[in-house]
Amino acid sequence: MTKRNLSRCGAAATVFAVAALGLGACSNGGSDSDASTAPEKSDSSAKIVYLHRLPDEKGMTPVADIVKKWNDEHPDVQVEAKKFDGKATEMIKKLETDIKADNGPCLAQLSYNEVPEMFTKGLLEDVTTHASGYKDHYGSSFDLMKVGDKQVGIPQDVGPLVYMYDKAAFDELGLAVPTTADELAAVAKKAAEHNKFAVSFQPDEALNGLAAQAAATGDEWFGTEGEAWKVDVNGSGTQKLAEFWQDVLDSKAALTEERWGDGFKAAVNDGRLIGTIAAAWEPALFVADFGSNNDVKGNWRVAQLPAFGDSVATGPDGGSGVAVMKGCKMAKEATEFADWFNTQVDDLVTQGLVTAATTKQGTTPDSHKEFFGGQDIYAEFTKAAATMKPITYIPGFSALGDPMNQAAAAAAKGSGKVADIFTKAQDAAVKALKDNNLNVK
């Protein structure tokens, strides 16, 4: 799920840039063609297709309505938005198949962790020339869609982790909002005494969720040394993270439903789940999923992620950009649209995005304020983004998903340990790099 204005999150963009710049240098995949060879003028009968996976839920400004504004103003450069409703990994497979068959879209929404893999497979256009004039719209966040020295698209959003909680339930149980991992564990155990859950361990979100939490501890799973990648998914911060989750699981103090299953929704609706770590794009989904439940609406709030390391910090769960796909015959126009779309801040905020654009300050939509008891949750996202630690994404990062999620499911059932998740991640990362013909130290 991507499920991520820079005046709010300049620090976050800076650390993300480290990740983006470190990837191309170690990639020996085929380089993208120079997008300057694309036609400068579009055929008026042609249409740019934009494949996205934004939520488009009730109360949000529909992507089609945003695109219509562009089409009304640009009769010679028409865009068709298509929503992909499957899993992110399925979308990547579809893109690869369609592009190789010369039937791919011009533009696609990609998570930042997917960009290196798509690049090494030769599936992205180099639009450095076309995109250079838009850098000032994003500040250092612009480099999130750069691999080596090649710009492959325009950044859209970032996804810092936050903590969401049911204030009414916390007040009733006498719980204080946790500010450290130890406090969170204590709150979770006290809530469990009343058959409530103040944390959720989500097996289907092990890859992105735990990677972001590990980043918040200060650990860096991946890096480069010379011409080789280094993989260390067992640093001291990650070990402490594993100990935290093992403790709350052993204490039966965490909800263990999958995030995208019916069980999670039921736990929110019936009041059993009263706290959860979430990406900054998730509150908008809470509004869409639970806004009609008057027992839930108005009770929830957003706070900073409890400190899992030595200082208050968060990590990136999701965040995405709009990339120009290989073979796009209108690369210049497609890049222009991507910049225009990603600077429609007010509309994108309704989709739950913490926008990367610096062109306008985002504000909390009224429907979100109503659900979160009048709170300006966007201000909390701003604060979180400023403390966000980086993740350097390896090509093939998605390959860690299945083994991590499977190990997490076993840990949730008690048939495995949380530490196993990170052992599986280590092995899968080394294999993914070797499968991409990349050197591993």
Protein backbone atom coordinates (compact mmCIF):
# COMPACT_ATOMS: atom_id res chain seq x y z
CA MET A 1 0.00 0.00 0.00
CA THR A 2 1.27 3.44 -0.71
CA LYS A 3 0.99 3.94 0.06
CA ARG A 4 3.67 9.46 0.91
CA ASN A 5 4.98 19.46 1.28
CA LEU A 6 8.57 19.60 1.73
CA SER A 7 8.43 22.80 3.76
CA ARG A 8 7.16 20.32 6.34
CA CYS A 9 9.63 17.53 5.68
CA GLY A 10 12.89 18.83 4.29
CA ALA A 11 14.92 16.63 6.61
CA ALA A 12 13.04 13.59 5.47
CA ALA A 13 13.66 14.32 1.84
CA THR A 14 17.34 14.81 2.48
CA VAL A 15 17.79 11.39 4.04
CA PHE A 16 15.70 9.76 1.32
CA ALA A 17 18.01 11.30 -1.25
CA VAL A 18 20.86 9.23 0.15
CA ALA A 19 18.91 6.14 -0.71
CA ALA A 20 18.08 7.25 -4.22
CA LEU A 21 21.61 8.32 -5.06
CA GLY A 22 23.23 5.14 -3.79
CA LEU A 23 21.31 2.73 -5.97
CA GLY A 24 22.33 3.40 -9.53
CA ALA A 25 26.02 3.38 -8.72
CA CYS A 26 25.92 -0.34 -7.90
CA SER A 27 23.51 -1.36 -10.62
CA ASN A 28 24.84 -3.07 -13.71
CA GLY A 29 21.41 -3.31 -15.27
CA GLY A 30 20.83 -1.77 -18.68
CA SER A 31 20.76 2.03 -18.64
CA ASP A 32 17.63 3.79 -19.77
CA SER A 33 17.47 5.53 -23.09
CA ASP A 34 17.82 9.30 -23.27
CA ALA A 35 14.29 10.66 -23.05
CA SER A 36 15.33 13.61 -25.21
CA THR A 37 14.72 11.32 -28.19
CA ALA A 38 10.97 11.37 -27.41
CA PRO A 39 8.79 13.53 -29.66
CA GLU A 40 8.60 17.15 -28.54
CA LYS A 41 5.06 17.52 -29.85
CA SER A 42 2.27 15.10 -29.17
CA ASP A 43 -0.21 13.67 -31.63
CA SER A 44 -3.54 15.25 -30.68
CA SER A 45 -5.18 11.85 -31.06
CA ALA A 46 -2.76 10.22 -28.61
CA LYS A 47 -3.47 9.83 -24.93
CA ILE A 48 -1.16 9.51 -21.93
CA VAL A 49 -2.25 6.64 -19.69
CA TYR A 50 -1.50 7.01 -15.97
CA LEU A 51 -1.77 3.81 -13.93
CA HIS A 52 -2.17 4.51 -10.21
CA ARG A 53 -3.23 2.86 -6.97
CA LEU A 54 -4.44 5.85 -4.96
CA PRO A 55 -7.36 4.95 -2.66
CA ASP A 56 -10.13 6.96 -4.38
CA GLU A 57 -12.36 6.31 -1.37
CA LYS A 58 -15.54 8.14 -0.36
CA GLY A 59 -14.86 11.74 0.67
CA MET A 60 -11.67 11.97 -1.37
CA THR A 61 -11.27 14.07 -4.51
CA PRO A 62 -11.41 11.38 -7.24
CA VAL A 63 -8.27 11.04 -9.35
CA ALA A 64 -10.48 11.23 -12.45
CA ASP A 65 -11.73 14.66 -11.32
CA ILE A 66 -8.18 15.91 -10.79
CA VAL A 67 -7.14 14.66 -14.22
CA LYS A 68 -10.21 16.26 -15.82
CA LYS A 69 -8.92 19.68 -14.77
CA TRP A 70 -5.71 18.99 -16.70
CA ASN A 71 -7.58 17.70 -19.73
CA ASP A 72 -9.85 20.76 -19.81
CA GLU A 73 -6.78 23.01 -19.80
CA HIS A 74 -4.67 20.89 -22.20
CA PRO A 75 -6.86 19.76 -25.13
CA ASP A 76 -3.78 18.61 -27.10
CA VAL A 77 -2.33 16.49 -24.28
CA GLN A 78 -5.06 14.29 -22.89
CA VAL A 79 -4.52 11.95 -19.93
CA GLU A 80 -6.49 8.87 -18.94
CA ALA A 81 -6.18 7.73 -15.33
CA LYS A 82 -6.59 4.03 -14.66
CA LYS A 83 -6.82 2.65 -11.12
CA PHE A 84 -5.09 -0.65 -10.33
CA ASP A 85 -7.01 -2.43 -7.59
CA GLY A 86 -4.69 -5.39 -7.01
CA LYS A 87 -1.65 -5.72 -4.77
CA ALA A 88 1.38 -3.56 -5.42
CA THR A 89 3.48 -6.59 -6.36
CA GLU A 90 0.86 -7.59 -8.91
CA MET A 91 0.97 -4.13 -10.46
CA ILE A 92 4.74 -4.35 -10.90
CA LYS A 93 4.42 -7.70 -12.64
CA LYS A 94 1.71 -6.32 -14.91
CA LEU A 95 3.84 -3.31 -15.80
CA GLU A 96 6.82 -5.50 -16.68
CA THR A 97 4.69 -7.78 -18.84
CA ASP A 98 2.91 -4.93 -20.62
CA ILE A 99 6.04 -2.87 -21.23
CA LYS A 100 7.87 -5.84 -22.73
CA ALA A 101 4.84 -6.37 -25.00
CA ASP A 102 5.00 -2.67 -26.01
CA ASN A 103 1.62 -2.15 -24.38
CA GLY A 104 2.57 -0.34 -21.18
CA PRO A 105 1.24 2.98 -19.85
CA CYS A 106 3.27 6.16 -20.15
CA LEU A 107 3.06 6.84 -16.42
CA ALA A 108 2.72 4.69 -13.33
CA GLN A 109 2.68 5.29 -9.59
CA LEU A 110 5.64 3.47 -8.03
CA SER A 111 6.68 3.18 -4.42
CA TYR A 112 10.21 4.44 -3.86
CA ASN A 113 11.25 0.91 -2.95
CA GLU A 114 10.11 -0.29 -6.38
CA VAL A 115 12.06 2.26 -8.41
CA PRO A 116 15.52 0.57 -8.17
CA GLU A 117 14.10 -2.79 -9.26
CA MET A 118 12.21 -1.28 -12.19
CA PHE A 119 15.33 0.63 -13.21
CA THR A 120 17.65 -2.37 -13.15
CA LYS A 121 15.16 -4.23 -15.35
CA GLY A 122 15.28 -1.43 -17.93
CA LEU A 123 11.59 -0.53 -17.51
CA LEU A 124 11.94 3.22 -16.84
CA GLU A 125 12.74 6.16 -19.09
CA ASP A 126 15.48 8.65 -18.34
CA VAL A 127 13.63 11.98 -18.23
CA THR A 128 16.43 14.04 -16.69
CA THR A 129 16.25 16.69 -19.40
CA HIS A 130 12.48 17.04 -19.25
CA ALA A 131 12.24 17.00 -15.45
CA SER A 132 15.07 19.39 -14.59
CA GLY A 133 12.84 22.47 -14.65
CA TYR A 134 10.57 21.04 -11.92
CA LYS A 135 13.19 20.47 -9.21
CA ASP A 136 12.33 23.69 -7.37
CA HIS A 137 8.81 22.34 -6.81
CA TYR A 138 10.16 19.58 -4.52
CA GLY A 139 13.50 20.67 -3.07
CA SER A 140 15.77 17.78 -2.10
CA SER A 141 12.78 15.45 -2.26
CA PHE A 142 13.21 15.61 -6.04
CA ASP A 143 16.01 13.03 -5.77
CA LEU A 144 13.59 10.39 -4.51
CA MET A 145 12.86 9.60 -8.15
CA LYS A 146 16.51 9.58 -9.19
CA VAL A 147 18.68 6.51 -9.73
CA GLY A 148 22.32 7.44 -9.95
CA ASP A 149 22.32 10.56 -12.11
CA LYS A 150 19.12 9.69 -13.99
CA GLN A 151 15.75 11.21 -13.13
CA VAL A 152 13.00 8.69 -13.87
CA GLY A 153 9.91 10.56 -12.64
CA ILE A 154 8.45 13.07 -10.18
CA PRO A 155 8.01 12.46 -6.41
CA GLN A 156 4.46 12.42 -5.06
CA ASP A 157 4.41 11.78 -1.31
CA VAL A 158 6.21 10.47 1.77
CA GLY A 159 4.92 8.06 4.42
CA PRO A 160 6.35 8.62 7.91
CA LEU A 161 5.14 6.27 10.62
CA VAL A 162 2.92 7.75 13.35
CA TYR A 163 0.92 6.33 16.26
CA MET A 164 -2.88 6.40 16.10
CA TYR A 165 -4.99 5.86 19.20
CA ASP A 166 -8.56 5.99 20.48
CA LYS A 167 -8.46 8.90 22.93
CA ALA A 168 -11.83 8.07 24.47
CA ALA A 169 -10.70 4.53 25.25
CA PHE A 170 -7.32 5.72 26.54
CA ASP A 171 -9.04 8.20 28.87
CA GLU A 172 -11.47 5.57 30.11
CA LEU A 173 -8.64 3.14 30.91
CA GLY A 174 -6.33 5.81 32.34
CA LEU A 175 -3.69 5.25 29.64
CA ALA A 176 -1.12 7.89 28.71
CA VAL A 177 -0.02 8.30 25.10
CA PRO A 178 3.30 6.38 24.88
CA THR A 179 6.45 8.23 23.86
CA THR A 180 8.92 5.32 24.01
CA ALA A 181 8.84 1.65 23.02
CA ASP A 182 8.92 0.63 26.69
CA GLU A 183 5.92 2.85 27.43
CA LEU A 184 4.10 1.40 24.40
CA ALA A 185 4.68 -2.14 25.67
CA ALA A 186 3.39 -1.16 29.13
CA VAL A 187 0.31 0.53 27.64
CA ALA A 188 -0.37 -2.51 25.45
CA LYS A 189 -0.20 -4.88 28.42
CA LYS A 190 -2.48 -2.69 30.54
CA ALA A 191 -5.00 -2.40 27.69
CA ALA A 192 -4.92 -6.20 27.25
CA GLU A 193 -6.10 -6.58 30.85
CA HIS A 194 -9.34 -4.98 29.64
CA ASN A 195 -9.54 -7.04 26.44
CA LYS A 196 -8.31 -4.10 24.37
CA PHE A 197 -5.31 -3.80 22.05
CA ALA A 198 -3.12 -0.69 21.96
CA VAL A 199 -0.82 -2.18 19.30
CA SER A 200 -1.34 -4.34 16.22
CA PHE A 201 1.18 -6.81 14.83
CA GLN A 202 0.35 -7.06 11.12
CA PRO A 203 1.76 -10.15 9.35
CA ASP A 204 0.84 -8.87 5.88
CA GLU A 205 2.73 -5.60 6.47
CA ALA A 206 5.96 -7.11 7.81
CA LEU A 207 8.07 -5.93 4.89
CA ASN A 208 7.27 -2.23 4.83
CA GLY A 209 6.12 -1.84 8.42
CA LEU A 210 9.05 -3.53 10.14
CA ALA A 211 11.59 -2.06 7.70
CA ALA A 212 10.29 1.41 8.59
CA GLN A 213 10.34 0.66 12.31
CA ALA A 214 13.91 -0.63 12.02
CA ALA A 215 14.89 2.59 10.24
CA ALA A 216 13.35 4.54 13.13
CA THR A 217 15.79 2.79 15.49
CA GLY A 218 18.65 4.17 13.41
CA ASP A 219 19.54 0.87 11.74
CA GLU A 220 20.50 0.83 8.06
CA TRP A 221 19.83 -2.57 6.56
CA PHE A 222 21.47 -1.86 3.22
CA GLY A 223 24.41 0.18 2.03
CA THR A 224 27.24 0.16 -0.46
CA GLU A 225 30.97 -0.25 -0.16
CA GLY A 226 32.89 0.34 -3.35
CA GLU A 227 31.14 -1.60 -6.10
CA ALA A 228 29.33 -3.97 -3.74
CA TRP A 229 26.19 -3.95 -1.62
CA LYS A 230 26.29 -4.60 2.12
CA VAL A 231 23.36 -6.31 3.85
CA ASP A 232 22.90 -6.26 7.63
CA VAL A 233 19.34 -6.93 8.76
CA ASN A 234 20.37 -7.77 12.32
CA GLY A 235 21.69 -4.54 13.80
CA SER A 236 21.27 -3.60 17.43
CA GLY A 237 18.16 -1.50 16.73
CA THR A 238 16.48 -4.31 14.80
CA GLN A 239 17.30 -6.75 17.61
CA LYS A 240 15.62 -4.45 20.13
CA LEU A 241 12.65 -4.13 17.78
CA ALA A 242 12.36 -7.92 17.62
CA GLU A 243 12.51 -8.10 21.42
CA PHE A 244 9.73 -5.51 21.72
CA TRP A 245 7.36 -7.38 19.42
CA GLN A 246 8.20 -10.78 20.90
CA ASP A 247 7.41 -9.42 24.36
CA VAL A 248 3.98 -8.05 23.43
CA LEU A 249 3.13 -11.17 21.42
CA ASP A 250 4.13 -13.46 24.29
CA SER A 251 1.99 -11.28 26.58
CA LYS A 252 -1.01 -11.62 24.21
CA ALA A 253 -1.06 -7.82 24.18
CA ALA A 254 -1.12 -7.24 20.39
CA LEU A 255 -3.87 -7.66 17.83
CA THR A 256 -2.50 -10.11 15.24
CA GLU A 257 -5.00 -9.63 12.42
CA GLU A 258 -3.72 -8.83 8.94
CA ARG A 259 -3.93 -5.11 8.20
CA TRP A 260 -5.90 -5.58 5.01
CA GLY A 261 -8.21 -8.31 6.27
CA ASP A 262 -11.73 -8.08 7.66
CA GLY A 263 -10.50 -8.93 11.15
CA PHE A 264 -8.62 -5.65 11.48
CA LYS A 265 -11.66 -3.63 10.45
CA ALA A 266 -13.87 -5.57 12.85
CA ALA A 267 -11.47 -4.86 15.72
CA VAL A 268 -11.67 -1.12 15.07
CA ASN A 269 -15.43 -1.14 14.62
CA ASP A 270 -16.13 -3.06 17.83
CA GLY A 271 -13.65 -1.06 19.89
CA ARG A 272 -11.12 -3.82 20.62
CA LEU A 273 -8.29 -2.06 18.75
CA ILE A 274 -7.54 1.24 20.45
CA GLY A 275 -4.03 1.94 19.17
CA THR A 276 -1.80 1.09 16.23
CA ILE A 277 1.39 2.15 14.47
CA ALA A 278 0.42 3.46 11.05
CA ALA A 279 1.84 5.18 7.99
CA ALA A 280 0.77 8.78 7.49
CA TRP A 281 -1.46 7.77 4.58
CA GLU A 282 -3.54 5.43 6.78
CA PRO A 283 -5.61 8.00 8.71
CA ALA A 284 -7.42 8.87 5.48
CA LEU A 285 -8.33 5.21 5.11
CA PHE A 286 -9.66 5.20 8.68
CA VAL A 287 -11.93 8.08 7.70
CA ALA A 288 -13.16 6.14 4.67
CA ASP A 289 -13.54 2.78 6.44
CA PHE A 290 -14.92 3.87 9.82
CA GLY A 291 -16.36 7.36 9.29
CA SER A 292 -19.93 6.08 9.35
CA ASN A 293 -19.46 4.40 12.75
CA ASN A 294 -20.46 6.97 15.37
CA ASP A 295 -18.84 4.85 18.09
CA VAL A 296 -15.50 5.36 16.36
CA LYS A 297 -15.82 8.74 14.66
CA GLY A 298 -14.41 11.61 16.70
CA ASN A 299 -12.53 9.38 19.15
CA TRP A 300 -9.24 8.75 17.37
CA ARG A 301 -6.12 10.95 17.38
CA VAL A 302 -2.67 10.96 15.78
CA ALA A 303 0.56 11.17 17.79
CA GLN A 304 4.24 10.77 17.05
CA LEU A 305 5.71 7.28 16.78
CA PRO A 306 7.05 6.20 20.19
CA ALA A 307 10.85 6.27 20.17
CA PHE A 308 12.27 2.85 19.32
CA GLY A 309 15.82 4.20 19.35
CA ASP A 310 17.82 6.64 21.44
CA SER A 311 15.82 9.67 20.23
CA VAL A 312 12.43 10.54 18.80
CA ALA A 313 12.44 9.47 15.16
CA THR A 314 10.29 7.74 12.60
CA GLY A 315 10.82 5.71 9.45
CA PRO A 316 9.30 5.67 5.95
CA ASP A 317 6.47 3.26 5.24
CA GLY A 318 5.57 3.78 1.63
CA GLY A 319 5.79 7.00 -0.26
CA SER A 320 5.65 7.05 -4.02
CA GLY A 321 6.30 8.94 -7.21
CA VAL A 322 4.96 9.06 -10.75
CA ALA A 323 7.49 7.37 -13.06
CA VAL A 324 7.76 7.53 -16.85
CA MET A 325 7.66 4.03 -18.26
CA LYS A 326 10.01 2.68 -20.91
CA GLY A 327 8.66 3.16 -24.40
CA CYS A 328 6.51 6.21 -23.61
CA LYS A 329 6.28 8.17 -26.86
CA MET A 330 5.28 11.37 -25.06
CA ALA A 331 7.90 11.47 -22.33
CA LYS A 332 8.15 15.26 -22.24
CA GLU A 333 4.40 15.76 -21.95
CA ALA A 334 4.07 12.89 -19.50
CA THR A 335 6.69 14.45 -17.23
CA GLU A 336 4.91 17.81 -17.43
CA PHE A 337 1.64 16.18 -16.38
CA ALA A 338 3.32 14.26 -13.54
CA ASP A 339 4.63 17.53 -12.11
CA TRP A 340 1.24 19.22 -12.51
CA PHE A 341 -0.58 16.30 -10.87
CA ASN A 342 1.83 16.03 -7.94
CA THR A 343 1.47 19.74 -7.16
CA GLN A 344 -2.33 19.52 -6.79
CA VAL A 345 -1.72 19.52 -3.04
CA ASP A 346 -5.26 20.14 -1.75
CA ASP A 347 -6.69 17.33 -3.86
CA LEU A 348 -3.91 14.86 -3.02
CA VAL A 349 -4.20 15.54 0.71
CA THR A 350 -7.79 14.26 0.54
CA GLN A 351 -6.32 10.99 -0.79
CA GLY A 352 -4.34 10.73 2.44
CA LEU A 353 -1.00 11.80 0.99
CA VAL A 354 1.73 13.72 2.78
CA THR A 355 2.74 15.47 -0.41
CA ALA A 356 6.33 15.91 -1.51
CA ALA A 357 5.60 19.20 -3.31
CA THR A 358 6.76 22.43 -1.68
CA THR A 359 4.48 24.61 -3.78
CA LYS A 360 1.72 24.79 -1.18
CA GLN A 361 1.26 23.98 2.51
CA GLY A 362 -1.08 21.05 3.01
CA THR A 363 -4.01 21.40 5.40
CA THR A 364 -6.16 18.80 7.13
CA PRO A 365 -9.46 18.26 5.24
CA ASP A 366 -12.61 18.99 7.26
CA SER A 367 -13.76 15.36 7.02
CA HIS A 368 -10.48 14.24 8.58
CA LYS A 369 -10.70 16.85 11.33
CA GLU A 370 -14.21 15.67 12.15
CA PHE A 371 -13.11 12.03 12.41
CA PHE A 372 -10.06 12.90 14.53
CA GLY A 373 -11.92 15.07 17.02
CA GLY A 374 -10.95 18.39 15.45
CA GLN A 375 -7.22 17.59 15.47
CA ASP A 376 -4.97 19.06 12.78
CA ILE A 377 -3.47 15.69 11.90
CA TYR A 378 -1.48 17.15 9.00
CA ALA A 379 0.55 19.10 11.56
CA GLU A 380 1.47 15.77 13.17
CA PHE A 381 2.55 14.40 9.79
CA THR A 382 4.70 17.50 9.29
CA LYS A 383 6.38 16.91 12.64
CA ALA A 384 6.90 13.21 11.91
CA ALA A 385 8.34 13.79 8.45
CA ALA A 386 10.97 16.11 9.90
CA THR A 387 12.37 13.24 12.03
CA MET A 388 12.23 10.52 9.38
CA LYS A 389 15.26 8.25 9.06
CA PRO A 390 16.29 6.90 5.64
CA ILE A 391 15.93 3.53 4.01
CA THR A 392 18.26 2.62 1.17
CA TYR A 393 16.19 0.31 -1.03
CA ILE A 394 18.00 -2.45 -2.86
CA PRO A 395 16.95 -3.57 -6.34
CA GLY A 396 14.61 -6.49 -5.66
CA PHE A 397 13.46 -5.20 -2.26
CA SER A 398 9.98 -6.59 -2.92
CA ALA A 399 11.44 -10.11 -2.90
CA LEU A 400 11.76 -9.81 0.88
CA GLY A 401 7.98 -9.53 1.20
CA ASP A 402 6.80 -13.15 1.05
CA PRO A 403 9.46 -14.66 3.35
CA MET A 404 9.07 -11.84 5.89
CA ASN A 405 5.28 -11.97 5.84
CA GLN A 406 5.27 -15.76 6.19
CA ALA A 407 7.68 -15.59 9.15
CA ALA A 408 5.54 -12.84 10.69
CA ALA A 409 2.41 -14.98 10.34
CA ALA A 410 4.21 -17.80 12.17
CA ALA A 411 5.33 -15.41 14.93
CA ALA A 412 1.76 -14.15 15.29
CA LYS A 413 0.51 -17.73 15.76
CA GLY A 414 3.29 -18.59 18.21
CA SER A 415 4.87 -21.20 15.92
CA GLY A 416 7.82 -18.94 15.13
CA LYS A 417 9.81 -16.08 16.61
CA VAL A 418 9.92 -12.44 15.56
CA ALA A 419 13.69 -12.73 15.14
CA ASP A 420 13.05 -15.26 12.36
CA ILE A 421 11.49 -12.48 10.28
CA PHE A 422 14.79 -10.64 10.08
CA THR A 423 16.81 -13.80 9.41
CA LYS A 424 14.53 -14.45 6.44
CA ALA A 425 14.95 -10.83 5.33
CA GLN A 426 18.75 -11.13 5.41
CA ASP A 427 18.75 -14.28 3.28
CA ALA A 428 16.17 -12.93 0.84
CA ALA A 429 18.05 -9.64 0.38
CA VAL A 430 21.34 -11.37 -0.47
CA LYS A 431 19.54 -13.66 -2.90
CA ALA A 432 17.66 -10.76 -4.54
CA LEU A 433 20.88 -8.84 -5.16
CA LYS A 434 22.63 -11.89 -6.61
CA ASP A 435 19.59 -12.64 -8.77
CA ASN A 436 19.95 -9.11 -10.15
CA ASN A 437 23.63 -9.84 -10.94
CA LEU A 438 24.80 -7.33 -8.34
CA ASN A 439 27.86 -7.70 -6.14
CA VAL A 440 27.26 -8.43 -2.45
CA LYS A 441 29.92 -7.93 0.20
